[in-house]
């Protein structure tokens, strides 16, 4: 059963509903971002999701996700090539961007805190989970999590074009998970 099959209602995101091991479904997951060009014009784009997994057993035990830096795309081929190059992501040398979750806080808004690794540099990052928009399929086999974060690109060593490109990226994550048999 999928989350789009409305014959049975999906349940909300609760700690009990997500207890277990999960594998990220890259084809159903997305990482989108918005940055500021000339400090006020929004530029949106995406990065393809490669892989990921999570284990929750009464608390977050493990969370890993990887995206493809070489797949950076905004719809502008010249800009995309420049951002994939050495001045920004240096995707030839650092083909992956990884997030490792270290803690899930559920009192109040859910927050996932961990480290994001960009260009070999790890920096702290906290995602806020939109629990209202998240769901677990009625059979408990699939879950979709929506989260947002703000990333300081300069802290990650992505500091090219400081006068033209704003320092912060707004990240929007849709993570579709499939429960793993244990």
N, C-alpha and C. Protein backbone atom coordinates (compact mmCIF):
# COMPACT_ATOMS: atom_id res chain seq x y z
N UNK A 1 0.85 -1.18 0.00
CA UNK A 1 0.00 0.00 0.00
C UNK A 1 0.89 1.23 0.00
N UNK A 2 0.51 2.21 -0.78
CA UNK A 2 1.30 3.44 -0.86
C UNK A 2 0.63 4.53 -0.05
N UNK A 3 1.36 5.61 0.15
CA UNK A 3 0.80 6.75 0.87
C UNK A 3 -0.22 7.50 0.03
N UNK A 4 -0.27 7.22 -1.27
CA UNK A 4 -1.26 7.88 -2.12
C UNK A 4 -2.53 7.05 -2.26
N UNK A 5 -2.56 5.85 -1.72
CA UNK A 5 -3.76 5.03 -1.72
C UNK A 5 -4.62 5.48 -0.55
N UNK A 6 -5.75 6.12 -0.86
CA UNK A 6 -6.58 6.71 0.19
C UNK A 6 -7.70 5.78 0.67
N UNK A 7 -7.61 4.47 0.33
CA UNK A 7 -8.63 3.55 0.82
C UNK A 7 -8.54 3.39 2.33
N UNK A 8 -7.37 3.61 2.87
CA UNK A 8 -7.17 3.64 4.31
C UNK A 8 -6.37 4.89 4.62
N UNK A 9 -6.68 5.52 5.71
CA UNK A 9 -5.99 6.77 6.06
C UNK A 9 -4.59 6.46 6.59
N UNK A 10 -3.64 7.26 6.16
CA UNK A 10 -2.29 7.16 6.70
C UNK A 10 -2.30 7.75 8.10
N UNK A 11 -1.39 7.27 8.93
CA UNK A 11 -1.30 7.79 10.29
C UNK A 11 -0.27 8.90 10.35
N UNK A 12 -0.38 9.72 11.36
CA UNK A 12 0.58 10.81 11.55
C UNK A 12 1.91 10.28 12.03
N UNK A 13 2.85 11.16 12.09
CA UNK A 13 4.19 10.81 12.51
C UNK A 13 4.24 10.79 14.03
N UNK A 14 4.45 9.61 14.58
CA UNK A 14 4.61 9.44 16.02
C UNK A 14 5.84 8.58 16.26
N UNK A 15 6.40 8.67 17.44
CA UNK A 15 7.57 7.86 17.76
C UNK A 15 7.25 6.37 17.63
N UNK A 16 6.07 5.95 18.07
CA UNK A 16 5.69 4.54 17.98
C UNK A 16 5.56 4.10 16.53
N UNK A 17 5.03 4.96 15.67
CA UNK A 17 4.81 4.60 14.27
C UNK A 17 6.12 4.43 13.51
N UNK A 18 7.17 5.13 13.91
CA UNK A 18 8.44 5.05 13.17
C UNK A 18 9.46 4.12 13.81
N UNK A 19 9.10 3.47 14.91
CA UNK A 19 10.02 2.56 15.57
C UNK A 19 10.44 1.45 14.61
N UNK A 20 11.74 1.26 14.43
CA UNK A 20 12.24 0.21 13.55
C UNK A 20 13.35 0.71 12.65
N UNK A 21 13.66 -0.10 11.63
CA UNK A 21 14.72 0.22 10.67
C UNK A 21 14.10 0.61 9.34
N UNK A 22 14.72 1.59 8.67
CA UNK A 22 14.17 2.16 7.44
C UNK A 22 15.27 2.37 6.41
N UNK A 23 14.89 2.22 5.14
CA UNK A 23 15.78 2.53 4.02
C UNK A 23 15.16 3.67 3.23
N UNK A 24 15.96 4.63 2.88
CA UNK A 24 15.48 5.77 2.11
C UNK A 24 15.21 5.34 0.67
N UNK A 25 14.09 5.78 0.12
CA UNK A 25 13.73 5.52 -1.28
C UNK A 25 14.17 6.74 -2.09
N UNK A 26 15.33 6.67 -2.77
CA UNK A 26 15.84 7.85 -3.48
C UNK A 26 14.89 8.39 -4.54
N UNK A 27 14.18 7.51 -5.23
CA UNK A 27 13.29 7.95 -6.30
C UNK A 27 12.09 8.73 -5.81
N UNK A 28 11.73 8.55 -4.56
CA UNK A 28 10.56 9.24 -3.99
C UNK A 28 10.98 10.35 -3.03
N UNK A 29 12.28 10.59 -2.91
CA UNK A 29 12.81 11.59 -1.99
C UNK A 29 13.39 12.76 -2.77
N UNK A 30 13.48 13.92 -2.11
CA UNK A 30 14.04 15.08 -2.80
C UNK A 30 14.72 16.02 -1.82
N UNK A 31 15.70 16.74 -2.34
CA UNK A 31 16.36 17.82 -1.62
C UNK A 31 16.26 19.04 -2.53
N UNK A 32 15.57 20.05 -2.06
CA UNK A 32 15.43 21.30 -2.80
C UNK A 32 16.03 22.43 -1.97
N UNK A 33 16.45 23.48 -2.64
CA UNK A 33 17.06 24.59 -1.92
C UNK A 33 16.65 25.90 -2.57
N UNK A 34 16.75 26.94 -1.77
CA UNK A 34 16.60 28.31 -2.26
C UNK A 34 17.77 29.11 -1.72
N UNK A 35 18.42 29.83 -2.61
CA UNK A 35 19.51 30.73 -2.23
C UNK A 35 19.18 32.11 -2.78
N UNK A 36 19.94 33.08 -2.38
CA UNK A 36 19.73 34.45 -2.86
C UNK A 36 20.91 34.85 -3.76
N UNK A 37 20.58 35.32 -4.95
CA UNK A 37 21.57 35.83 -5.90
C UNK A 37 21.45 37.35 -5.88
N UNK A 38 22.55 38.02 -5.85
CA UNK A 38 22.55 39.47 -5.65
C UNK A 38 21.83 39.83 -4.35
N UNK A 39 21.78 38.89 -3.41
CA UNK A 39 21.21 39.03 -2.06
C UNK A 39 19.70 39.23 -2.03
N UNK A 40 19.01 39.26 -3.16
CA UNK A 40 17.56 39.39 -3.07
C UNK A 40 16.81 38.56 -4.10
N UNK A 41 17.43 38.17 -5.22
CA UNK A 41 16.74 37.35 -6.21
C UNK A 41 16.81 35.88 -5.79
N UNK A 42 15.67 35.22 -5.61
CA UNK A 42 15.73 33.82 -5.21
C UNK A 42 16.16 32.92 -6.37
N UNK A 43 17.01 31.96 -6.05
CA UNK A 43 17.42 30.93 -7.00
C UNK A 43 17.05 29.60 -6.35
N UNK A 44 16.26 28.80 -7.04
CA UNK A 44 15.86 27.50 -6.50
C UNK A 44 16.49 26.39 -7.32
N UNK A 45 16.66 25.26 -6.68
CA UNK A 45 17.24 24.12 -7.37
C UNK A 45 17.10 22.86 -6.55
N UNK A 46 17.78 21.81 -7.00
CA UNK A 46 17.67 20.53 -6.32
C UNK A 46 18.97 19.74 -6.45
N UNK A 47 19.06 18.73 -5.61
CA UNK A 47 20.16 17.77 -5.62
C UNK A 47 19.54 16.38 -5.58
N UNK A 48 19.98 15.44 -6.45
CA UNK A 48 19.42 14.09 -6.42
C UNK A 48 19.83 13.35 -5.14
N UNK A 49 18.89 12.60 -4.60
CA UNK A 49 19.15 11.78 -3.42
C UNK A 49 19.75 10.46 -3.87
N UNK A 50 20.86 10.06 -3.26
CA UNK A 50 21.52 8.80 -3.61
C UNK A 50 21.05 7.64 -2.73
N UNK A 51 21.13 7.85 -1.41
CA UNK A 51 20.84 6.74 -0.50
C UNK A 51 20.63 7.28 0.91
N UNK A 52 20.18 6.40 1.77
CA UNK A 52 20.03 6.76 3.17
C UNK A 52 19.38 5.65 3.96
N UNK A 53 19.46 5.78 5.27
CA UNK A 53 18.83 4.80 6.16
C UNK A 53 18.63 5.45 7.52
N UNK A 54 17.74 4.83 8.28
CA UNK A 54 17.45 5.33 9.63
C UNK A 54 17.07 4.16 10.52
N UNK A 55 17.43 4.27 11.77
CA UNK A 55 17.00 3.31 12.79
C UNK A 55 16.50 4.11 13.97
N UNK A 56 15.26 3.82 14.36
CA UNK A 56 14.65 4.47 15.52
C UNK A 56 14.14 3.36 16.42
N UNK A 57 14.69 3.28 17.63
CA UNK A 57 14.24 2.30 18.63
C UNK A 57 14.15 3.03 19.96
N UNK A 58 13.00 3.65 20.20
CA UNK A 58 12.83 4.43 21.42
C UNK A 58 13.64 5.71 21.40
N UNK A 59 14.31 5.97 20.33
CA UNK A 59 15.15 7.14 20.11
C UNK A 59 15.92 6.94 18.82
N UNK A 60 16.47 7.98 18.30
CA UNK A 60 17.23 7.89 17.05
C UNK A 60 18.53 7.15 17.31
N UNK A 61 18.70 6.03 16.64
CA UNK A 61 19.92 5.23 16.78
C UNK A 61 20.88 5.51 15.62
N UNK A 62 20.32 5.78 14.43
CA UNK A 62 21.16 5.99 13.27
C UNK A 62 20.34 6.71 12.21
N UNK A 63 20.95 7.68 11.53
CA UNK A 63 20.33 8.36 10.39
C UNK A 63 21.44 8.83 9.47
N UNK A 64 21.39 8.38 8.24
CA UNK A 64 22.37 8.77 7.24
C UNK A 64 21.66 9.03 5.93
N UNK A 65 22.10 10.07 5.23
CA UNK A 65 21.57 10.37 3.90
C UNK A 65 22.70 10.93 3.06
N UNK A 66 22.64 10.62 1.77
CA UNK A 66 23.68 11.08 0.84
C UNK A 66 23.02 11.61 -0.42
N UNK A 67 23.48 12.78 -0.87
CA UNK A 67 22.99 13.35 -2.13
C UNK A 67 24.17 13.51 -3.09
N UNK A 68 23.84 13.63 -4.37
CA UNK A 68 24.82 13.70 -5.45
C UNK A 68 25.17 15.15 -5.76
N UNK A 69 26.37 15.58 -5.36
CA UNK A 69 26.79 16.97 -5.61
C UNK A 69 26.88 17.26 -7.10
N UNK A 70 27.25 16.27 -7.90
CA UNK A 70 27.37 16.47 -9.35
C UNK A 70 26.01 16.65 -10.00
N UNK A 71 24.94 16.32 -9.30
CA UNK A 71 23.60 16.49 -9.84
C UNK A 71 22.97 17.83 -9.50
N UNK A 72 23.74 18.73 -8.90
CA UNK A 72 23.23 20.06 -8.56
C UNK A 72 22.59 20.67 -9.80
N UNK A 73 21.35 21.16 -9.63
CA UNK A 73 20.67 21.74 -10.78
C UNK A 73 19.72 22.85 -10.40
N UNK A 74 19.76 23.93 -11.21
CA UNK A 74 18.84 25.06 -11.04
C UNK A 74 18.08 25.36 -12.32
N UNK A 75 18.39 24.62 -13.39
CA UNK A 75 17.78 24.91 -14.68
C UNK A 75 18.59 25.89 -15.52
N UNK A 76 19.69 26.39 -14.98
CA UNK A 76 20.58 27.30 -15.71
C UNK A 76 21.91 26.57 -15.91
N UNK A 77 22.15 26.00 -17.11
CA UNK A 77 23.34 25.16 -17.33
C UNK A 77 24.67 25.85 -16.98
N UNK A 78 24.81 27.11 -17.30
CA UNK A 78 26.08 27.80 -16.99
C UNK A 78 26.29 27.93 -15.49
N UNK A 79 25.24 28.33 -14.77
CA UNK A 79 25.34 28.45 -13.31
C UNK A 79 25.60 27.08 -12.70
N UNK A 80 24.86 26.06 -13.17
CA UNK A 80 25.00 24.73 -12.59
C UNK A 80 26.42 24.19 -12.76
N UNK A 81 27.00 24.40 -13.94
CA UNK A 81 28.38 23.96 -14.18
C UNK A 81 29.34 24.68 -13.24
N UNK A 82 29.14 25.98 -13.07
CA UNK A 82 30.01 26.75 -12.17
C UNK A 82 29.89 26.27 -10.73
N UNK A 83 28.68 26.00 -10.27
CA UNK A 83 28.48 25.56 -8.88
C UNK A 83 29.03 24.16 -8.65
N UNK A 84 28.96 23.31 -9.65
CA UNK A 84 29.55 21.97 -9.51
C UNK A 84 31.08 22.03 -9.55
N UNK A 85 31.65 23.13 -10.01
CA UNK A 85 33.09 23.28 -10.17
C UNK A 85 33.83 23.56 -8.88
N UNK A 86 35.16 23.72 -8.98
CA UNK A 86 36.02 23.86 -7.81
C UNK A 86 35.74 25.07 -6.92
N UNK A 87 35.19 26.13 -7.47
CA UNK A 87 34.93 27.32 -6.66
C UNK A 87 33.77 27.15 -5.70
N UNK A 88 32.90 26.19 -5.98
CA UNK A 88 31.74 25.97 -5.11
C UNK A 88 31.78 24.54 -4.55
N UNK A 89 31.06 23.60 -5.14
CA UNK A 89 30.94 22.25 -4.58
C UNK A 89 32.13 21.35 -4.90
N UNK A 90 32.86 21.64 -5.95
CA UNK A 90 34.00 20.82 -6.36
C UNK A 90 33.57 19.35 -6.45
N UNK A 91 32.52 19.12 -7.24
CA UNK A 91 31.88 17.80 -7.31
C UNK A 91 32.79 16.71 -7.86
N UNK A 92 33.80 17.06 -8.66
CA UNK A 92 34.72 16.03 -9.14
C UNK A 92 35.53 15.45 -7.98
N UNK A 93 35.96 16.28 -7.07
CA UNK A 93 36.73 15.81 -5.91
C UNK A 93 35.84 15.33 -4.77
N UNK A 94 34.66 15.95 -4.62
CA UNK A 94 33.75 15.63 -3.52
C UNK A 94 32.37 15.33 -4.11
N UNK A 95 32.17 14.12 -4.64
CA UNK A 95 30.93 13.82 -5.37
C UNK A 95 29.68 13.71 -4.50
N UNK A 96 29.85 13.58 -3.20
CA UNK A 96 28.70 13.38 -2.32
C UNK A 96 28.62 14.46 -1.25
N UNK A 97 27.41 14.75 -0.85
CA UNK A 97 27.13 15.55 0.34
C UNK A 97 26.40 14.62 1.28
N UNK A 98 26.88 14.51 2.51
CA UNK A 98 26.30 13.55 3.46
C UNK A 98 25.76 14.26 4.69
N UNK A 99 24.66 13.69 5.20
CA UNK A 99 24.12 14.14 6.48
C UNK A 99 24.08 12.94 7.40
N UNK A 100 24.59 13.12 8.61
CA UNK A 100 24.52 12.09 9.65
C UNK A 100 23.76 12.66 10.82
N UNK A 101 22.58 12.10 11.08
CA UNK A 101 21.77 12.55 12.21
C UNK A 101 22.33 12.02 13.51
N UNK A 102 22.33 12.87 14.52
CA UNK A 102 22.87 12.47 15.82
C UNK A 102 21.82 12.48 16.92
N UNK A 103 20.76 13.28 16.72
CA UNK A 103 19.76 13.40 17.79
C UNK A 103 18.42 13.82 17.20
N UNK A 104 17.36 13.23 17.72
CA UNK A 104 16.00 13.62 17.38
C UNK A 104 15.33 14.11 18.65
N UNK A 105 14.84 15.34 18.62
CA UNK A 105 14.12 15.92 19.74
C UNK A 105 12.65 15.97 19.36
N UNK A 106 11.79 15.39 20.21
CA UNK A 106 10.36 15.33 19.89
C UNK A 106 9.50 16.16 20.83
N UNK A 107 10.05 16.76 21.85
CA UNK A 107 9.28 17.63 22.74
C UNK A 107 9.06 18.97 22.06
N UNK A 108 7.85 19.25 21.61
CA UNK A 108 7.61 20.45 20.80
C UNK A 108 7.84 20.10 19.35
N UNK A 109 8.28 21.07 18.55
CA UNK A 109 8.56 20.74 17.15
C UNK A 109 9.68 19.69 17.07
N UNK A 110 9.48 18.69 16.24
CA UNK A 110 10.52 17.68 16.08
C UNK A 110 11.72 18.32 15.40
N UNK A 111 12.92 18.02 15.92
CA UNK A 111 14.14 18.52 15.31
C UNK A 111 15.16 17.40 15.21
N UNK A 112 15.80 17.32 14.06
CA UNK A 112 16.88 16.36 13.85
C UNK A 112 18.18 17.16 13.76
N UNK A 113 19.09 16.88 14.68
CA UNK A 113 20.37 17.57 14.72
C UNK A 113 21.46 16.60 14.32
N UNK A 114 22.38 17.07 13.50
CA UNK A 114 23.47 16.22 13.07
C UNK A 114 24.55 17.02 12.39
N UNK A 115 25.32 16.32 11.57
CA UNK A 115 26.42 16.94 10.83
C UNK A 115 26.20 16.76 9.34
N UNK A 116 26.40 17.84 8.60
CA UNK A 116 26.39 17.76 7.14
C UNK A 116 27.84 17.89 6.68
N UNK A 117 28.22 17.02 5.76
CA UNK A 117 29.59 17.04 5.23
C UNK A 117 29.54 17.52 3.78
N UNK A 118 30.17 18.67 3.55
CA UNK A 118 30.26 19.27 2.23
C UNK A 118 31.74 19.54 1.95
N UNK A 119 32.24 19.05 0.84
CA UNK A 119 33.65 19.26 0.47
C UNK A 119 34.61 18.78 1.56
N UNK A 120 34.26 17.70 2.23
CA UNK A 120 35.12 17.14 3.26
C UNK A 120 35.06 17.84 4.60
N UNK A 121 34.22 18.85 4.72
CA UNK A 121 34.10 19.62 5.96
C UNK A 121 32.74 19.33 6.59
N UNK A 122 32.73 18.96 7.86
CA UNK A 122 31.48 18.67 8.57
C UNK A 122 31.10 19.85 9.45
N UNK A 123 29.84 20.27 9.34
CA UNK A 123 29.33 21.36 10.17
C UNK A 123 27.98 20.94 10.75
N UNK A 124 27.62 21.45 11.93
CA UNK A 124 26.33 21.13 12.53
C UNK A 124 25.17 21.67 11.69
N UNK A 125 24.08 20.90 11.66
CA UNK A 125 22.87 21.32 10.96
C UNK A 125 21.67 20.74 11.69
N UNK A 126 20.64 21.56 11.86
CA UNK A 126 19.40 21.11 12.50
C UNK A 126 18.25 21.27 11.53
N UNK A 127 17.53 20.17 11.32
CA UNK A 127 16.32 20.17 10.51
C UNK A 127 15.11 20.25 11.43
N UNK A 128 14.12 21.03 11.05
CA UNK A 128 12.84 21.06 11.74
C UNK A 128 11.87 20.23 10.92
N UNK A 129 11.26 19.24 11.57
CA UNK A 129 10.35 18.32 10.89
C UNK A 129 8.94 18.88 10.94
N UNK A 130 8.28 18.89 9.80
CA UNK A 130 6.89 19.32 9.71
C UNK A 130 6.00 18.10 9.97
N UNK A 131 5.76 17.80 11.25
CA UNK A 131 5.02 16.59 11.61
C UNK A 131 3.60 16.59 11.05
N UNK A 132 3.02 17.76 10.82
CA UNK A 132 1.67 17.83 10.25
C UNK A 132 1.64 17.30 8.83
N UNK A 133 2.74 17.45 8.09
CA UNK A 133 2.80 17.03 6.69
C UNK A 133 3.37 15.63 6.53
N UNK A 134 3.87 15.03 7.59
CA UNK A 134 4.47 13.71 7.52
C UNK A 134 3.40 12.64 7.71
N UNK A 135 3.71 11.44 7.22
CA UNK A 135 2.73 10.36 7.34
C UNK A 135 3.42 9.00 7.31
N UNK A 136 2.74 8.04 7.92
CA UNK A 136 3.14 6.64 7.86
C UNK A 136 1.98 5.90 7.22
N UNK A 137 2.27 5.02 6.25
CA UNK A 137 1.21 4.29 5.57
C UNK A 137 0.42 3.44 6.56
N UNK A 138 -0.83 3.12 6.26
CA UNK A 138 -1.66 2.35 7.19
C UNK A 138 -1.04 1.01 7.59
N UNK A 139 -0.30 0.39 6.67
CA UNK A 139 0.32 -0.89 7.01
C UNK A 139 1.68 -0.72 7.69
N UNK A 140 2.12 0.54 7.86
CA UNK A 140 3.38 0.82 8.54
C UNK A 140 4.62 0.54 7.72
N UNK A 141 4.46 0.24 6.43
CA UNK A 141 5.59 -0.14 5.59
C UNK A 141 6.34 1.05 4.99
N UNK A 142 5.68 2.21 4.90
CA UNK A 142 6.30 3.39 4.30
C UNK A 142 6.07 4.60 5.18
N UNK A 143 6.99 5.54 5.12
CA UNK A 143 6.84 6.80 5.85
C UNK A 143 7.41 7.92 5.00
N UNK A 144 6.79 9.08 5.08
CA UNK A 144 7.29 10.26 4.38
C UNK A 144 7.50 11.35 5.42
N UNK A 145 8.70 11.93 5.40
CA UNK A 145 9.08 12.97 6.34
C UNK A 145 9.42 14.23 5.56
N UNK A 146 8.87 15.35 5.99
CA UNK A 146 9.17 16.66 5.39
C UNK A 146 9.90 17.49 6.45
N UNK A 147 11.01 18.10 6.05
CA UNK A 147 11.80 18.88 7.00
C UNK A 147 12.47 20.05 6.28
N UNK A 148 12.81 21.06 7.07
CA UNK A 148 13.50 22.23 6.52
C UNK A 148 14.70 22.57 7.41
N UNK A 149 15.66 23.24 6.81
CA UNK A 149 16.84 23.70 7.55
C UNK A 149 17.42 24.89 6.82
N UNK A 150 18.25 25.63 7.52
CA UNK A 150 18.98 26.73 6.91
C UNK A 150 20.47 26.44 7.06
N UNK A 151 21.17 26.41 5.93
CA UNK A 151 22.58 26.05 5.90
C UNK A 151 23.43 27.26 5.52
N UNK A 152 24.47 27.51 6.30
CA UNK A 152 25.43 28.57 5.99
C UNK A 152 26.49 27.98 5.07
N UNK A 153 26.45 28.33 3.80
CA UNK A 153 27.37 27.75 2.83
C UNK A 153 28.83 28.11 3.13
N UNK A 154 29.05 29.28 3.70
CA UNK A 154 30.42 29.68 4.02
C UNK A 154 31.02 28.76 5.09
N UNK A 155 30.22 28.35 6.06
CA UNK A 155 30.71 27.43 7.10
C UNK A 155 31.13 26.09 6.50
N UNK A 156 30.53 25.74 5.36
CA UNK A 156 30.84 24.47 4.68
C UNK A 156 32.02 24.59 3.72
N UNK A 157 32.61 25.77 3.64
CA UNK A 157 33.72 25.96 2.73
C UNK A 157 33.30 26.29 1.31
N UNK A 158 32.03 26.62 1.12
CA UNK A 158 31.51 27.00 -0.20
C UNK A 158 31.34 28.52 -0.17
N UNK A 159 32.44 29.21 -0.43
CA UNK A 159 32.42 30.65 -0.20
C UNK A 159 32.68 31.49 -1.45
N UNK A 160 32.68 30.88 -2.62
CA UNK A 160 32.91 31.64 -3.85
C UNK A 160 31.79 32.66 -4.06
N UNK A 161 32.14 33.74 -4.73
CA UNK A 161 31.20 34.79 -5.11
C UNK A 161 30.46 35.40 -3.92
N UNK A 162 31.16 35.61 -2.83
CA UNK A 162 30.55 36.20 -1.63
C UNK A 162 29.76 37.47 -1.92
N UNK A 163 30.25 38.37 -2.76
CA UNK A 163 29.49 39.61 -2.97
C UNK A 163 28.17 39.41 -3.74
N UNK A 164 28.06 38.29 -4.47
CA UNK A 164 26.89 38.10 -5.33
C UNK A 164 25.89 37.08 -4.84
N UNK A 165 26.35 36.09 -4.10
CA UNK A 165 25.48 35.00 -3.67
C UNK A 165 25.38 35.04 -2.15
N UNK A 166 24.16 35.03 -1.65
CA UNK A 166 23.93 35.08 -0.21
C UNK A 166 24.56 33.90 0.50
N UNK A 167 24.83 34.03 1.79
CA UNK A 167 25.51 32.98 2.54
C UNK A 167 24.60 31.81 2.94
N UNK A 168 23.30 32.01 2.96
CA UNK A 168 22.40 30.99 3.50
C UNK A 168 21.58 30.30 2.41
N UNK A 169 21.44 29.00 2.57
CA UNK A 169 20.57 28.21 1.71
C UNK A 169 19.44 27.67 2.56
N UNK A 170 18.24 27.81 2.07
CA UNK A 170 17.07 27.24 2.73
C UNK A 170 16.84 25.87 2.11
N UNK A 171 16.93 24.81 2.90
CA UNK A 171 16.78 23.44 2.43
C UNK A 171 15.38 22.93 2.73
N UNK A 172 14.79 22.21 1.76
CA UNK A 172 13.50 21.54 1.93
C UNK A 172 13.70 20.08 1.56
N UNK A 173 13.41 19.23 2.52
CA UNK A 173 13.66 17.80 2.34
C UNK A 173 12.33 17.05 2.34
N UNK A 174 12.19 16.15 1.38
CA UNK A 174 11.13 15.14 1.42
C UNK A 174 11.86 13.80 1.44
N UNK A 175 11.73 13.08 2.53
CA UNK A 175 12.42 11.80 2.69
C UNK A 175 11.37 10.69 2.76
N UNK A 176 11.36 9.84 1.75
CA UNK A 176 10.44 8.70 1.71
C UNK A 176 11.21 7.46 2.15
N UNK A 177 10.71 6.82 3.18
CA UNK A 177 11.37 5.65 3.74
C UNK A 177 10.52 4.40 3.55
N UNK A 178 11.20 3.26 3.40
CA UNK A 178 10.56 1.95 3.35
C UNK A 178 11.08 1.17 4.54
N UNK A 179 10.14 0.58 5.30
CA UNK A 179 10.54 -0.19 6.49
C UNK A 179 11.37 -1.39 6.05
N UNK A 180 12.45 -1.66 6.78
CA UNK A 180 13.34 -2.77 6.49
C UNK A 180 12.96 -3.94 7.40
N UNK A 181 12.85 -5.13 6.80
CA UNK A 181 12.56 -6.32 7.59
C UNK A 181 13.71 -6.58 8.55
N UNK A 182 13.36 -6.97 9.76
CA UNK A 182 14.41 -7.19 10.77
C UNK A 182 14.53 -8.64 11.11
